[in-house]
C-alpha atoms as a PDB file:
ATOM      1  CA  UNK A   1     -26.023  42.357-121.200  1.00  0.00           C
ATOM      2  CA  UNK A   2     -25.896  46.001-120.092  1.00  0.00           C
ATOM      3  CA  UNK A   3     -24.085  46.863-116.903  1.00  0.00           C
ATOM      4  CA  UNK A   4     -27.341  47.965-115.261  1.00  0.00           C
ATOM      5  CA  UNK A   5     -28.889  44.542-115.979  1.00  0.00           C
ATOM      6  CA  UNK A   6     -26.254  42.674-113.985  1.00  0.00           C
ATOM      7  CA  UNK A   7     -27.052  41.369-110.526  1.00  0.00           C
ATOM      8  CA  UNK A   8     -24.590  42.318-107.791  1.00  0.00           C
ATOM      9  CA  UNK A   9     -22.057  39.581-107.087  1.00  0.00           C
ATOM     10  CA  UNK A  10     -21.061  40.911-103.672  1.00  0.00           C
ATOM     11  CA  UNK A  11     -23.083  41.626-100.566  1.00  0.00           C
ATOM     12  CA  UNK A  12     -24.108  45.220-100.193  1.00  0.00           C
ATOM     13  CA  UNK A  13     -25.100  47.217 -97.139  1.00  0.00           C
ATOM     14  CA  UNK A  14     -27.962  49.611 -97.598  1.00  0.00           C
ATOM     15  CA  UNK A  15     -27.928  53.061 -96.031  1.00  0.00           C
ATOM     16  CA  UNK A  16     -30.557  51.758 -93.614  1.00  0.00           C
ATOM     17  CA  UNK A  17     -28.290  48.836 -92.626  1.00  0.00           C
ATOM     18  CA  UNK A  18     -25.424  51.245 -92.005  1.00  0.00           C
ATOM     19  CA  UNK A  19     -27.627  53.552 -89.934  1.00  0.00           C
ATOM     20  CA  UNK A  20     -28.655  50.574 -87.786  1.00  0.00           C
ATOM     21  CA  UNK A  21     -25.011  49.583 -87.275  1.00  0.00           C
ATOM     22  CA  UNK A  22     -24.072  53.120 -86.179  1.00  0.00           C
ATOM     23  CA  UNK A  23     -27.064  53.167 -83.849  1.00  0.00           C
ATOM     24  CA  UNK A  24     -25.956  49.898 -82.210  1.00  0.00           C
ATOM     25  CA  UNK A  25     -22.370  51.156 -81.959  1.00  0.00           C
ATOM     26  CA  UNK A  26     -23.540  54.297 -80.171  1.00  0.00           C
ATOM     27  CA  UNK A  27     -25.722  52.307 -77.797  1.00  0.00           C
ATOM     28  CA  UNK A  28     -22.903  49.887 -76.901  1.00  0.00           C
ATOM     29  CA  UNK A  29     -20.395  52.685 -76.326  1.00  0.00           C
ATOM     30  CA  UNK A  30     -22.869  54.679 -74.263  1.00  0.00           C
ATOM     31  CA  UNK A  31     -23.690  51.657 -72.081  1.00  0.00           C
ATOM     32  CA  UNK A  32     -20.005  50.841 -71.550  1.00  0.00           C
ATOM     33  CA  UNK A  33     -19.223  54.458 -70.622  1.00  0.00           C
ATOM     34  CA  UNK A  34     -22.006  54.444 -68.034  1.00  0.00           C
ATOM     35  CA  UNK A  35     -20.938  51.027 -66.741  1.00  0.00           C
ATOM     36  CA  UNK A  36     -17.405  52.355 -66.245  1.00  0.00           C
ATOM     37  CA  UNK A  37     -18.840  55.500 -64.623  1.00  0.00           C
ATOM     38  CA  UNK A  38     -16.692  57.767 -66.785  1.00  0.00           C
ATOM     39  CA  UNK A  39     -17.856  61.246 -67.731  1.00  0.00           C
ATOM     40  CA  UNK A  40     -18.155  62.358 -71.321  1.00  0.00           C
ATOM     41  CA  UNK A  41     -15.408  64.922 -70.749  1.00  0.00           C
ATOM     42  CA  UNK A  42     -13.072  62.310 -69.243  1.00  0.00           C
ATOM     43  CA  UNK A  43     -13.691  59.893 -72.106  1.00  0.00           C
ATOM     44  CA  UNK A  44     -13.062  62.663 -74.614  1.00  0.00           C
ATOM     45  CA  UNK A  45      -9.787  63.486 -72.870  1.00  0.00           C
ATOM     46  CA  UNK A  46      -8.673  59.861 -72.482  1.00  0.00           C
ATOM     47  CA  UNK A  47      -9.517  58.921 -76.072  1.00  0.00           C
ATOM     48  CA  UNK A  48      -8.276  62.108 -77.710  1.00  0.00           C
ATOM     49  CA  UNK A  49     -11.637  62.544 -79.435  1.00  0.00           C
ATOM     50  CA  UNK A  50     -13.435  65.868 -79.085  1.00  0.00           C
ATOM     51  CA  UNK A  51     -16.491  66.000 -76.856  1.00  0.00           C
ATOM     52  CA  UNK A  52     -18.716  67.022 -79.774  1.00  0.00           C
ATOM     53  CA  UNK A  53     -17.476  64.138 -81.941  1.00  0.00           C
ATOM     54  CA  UNK A  54     -17.896  61.750 -79.027  1.00  0.00           C
ATOM     55  CA  UNK A  55     -21.463  62.969 -78.455  1.00  0.00           C
ATOM     56  CA  UNK A  56     -22.331  62.379 -82.118  1.00  0.00           C
ATOM     57  CA  UNK A  57     -20.754  58.923 -81.936  1.00  0.00           C
ATOM     58  CA  UNK A  58     -22.750  57.957 -78.841  1.00  0.00           C
ATOM     59  CA  UNK A  59     -25.903  59.289 -80.514  1.00  0.00           C
ATOM     60  CA  UNK A  60     -25.394  56.785 -83.345  1.00  0.00           C
ATOM     61  CA  UNK A  61     -24.321  59.185 -86.055  1.00  0.00           C
ATOM     62  CA  UNK A  62     -21.709  58.388 -88.715  1.00  0.00           C
ATOM     63  CA  UNK A  63     -18.281  57.952 -87.204  1.00  0.00           C
ATOM     64  CA  UNK A  64     -14.732  58.221 -88.441  1.00  0.00           C
ATOM     65  CA  UNK A  65     -13.021  54.840 -88.049  1.00  0.00           C
ATOM     66  CA  UNK A  66      -9.919  56.410 -86.478  1.00  0.00           C
ATOM     67  CA  UNK A  67     -12.041  58.083 -83.790  1.00  0.00           C
ATOM     68  CA  UNK A  68     -14.089  54.939 -83.272  1.00  0.00           C
ATOM     69  CA  UNK A  69     -10.936  52.907 -82.672  1.00  0.00           C
ATOM     70  CA  UNK A  70      -9.664  55.466 -80.154  1.00  0.00           C
ATOM     71  CA  UNK A  71     -12.905  55.335 -78.162  1.00  0.00           C
ATOM     72  CA  UNK A  72     -13.232  51.551 -78.361  1.00  0.00           C
ATOM     73  CA  UNK A  73      -9.667  51.160 -77.059  1.00  0.00           C
ATOM     74  CA  UNK A  74     -10.235  53.710 -74.287  1.00  0.00           C
ATOM     75  CA  UNK A  75     -13.274  51.734 -73.097  1.00  0.00           C
ATOM     76  CA  UNK A  76     -11.282  48.468 -73.059  1.00  0.00           C
ATOM     77  CA  UNK A  77     -13.429  46.981 -75.791  1.00  0.00           C
ATOM     78  CA  UNK A  78     -12.518  45.205 -79.005  1.00  0.00           C
ATOM     79  CA  UNK A  79     -13.905  46.311 -82.329  1.00  0.00           C
ATOM     80  CA  UNK A  80     -15.782  43.027 -82.780  1.00  0.00           C
ATOM     81  CA  UNK A  81     -17.649  43.720 -79.527  1.00  0.00           C
ATOM     82  CA  UNK A  82     -18.876  46.976 -81.017  1.00  0.00           C
ATOM     83  CA  UNK A  83     -19.492  46.373 -84.714  1.00  0.00           C
ATOM     84  CA  UNK A  84     -21.722  43.648 -85.986  1.00  0.00           C
ATOM     85  CA  UNK A  85     -23.197  43.184 -89.424  1.00  0.00           C
ATOM     86  CA  UNK A  86     -26.114  41.104 -88.229  1.00  0.00           C
ATOM     87  CA  UNK A  87     -29.585  42.429 -88.882  1.00  0.00           C
ATOM     88  CA  UNK A  88     -31.874  43.342 -86.038  1.00  0.00           C
END
């Protein structure tokens, strides 16, 4: 059997699945920031993540895990509160 004929034996995330995860992450972080009444500039300062990177993160764009962890920690969240692999 050719390699291309084999069925995947592990779960795979599609690009669409990943985009949805990043979108949810951004929404959760944005809501928590507003709930805490902290400005974007203050969160950038407290987390050590640049304002432009933080803006992209809150807009649901691809994020660097290191920066994500800094922001999650700064907002007193845990990573499992932010990232979920469920669909929908």
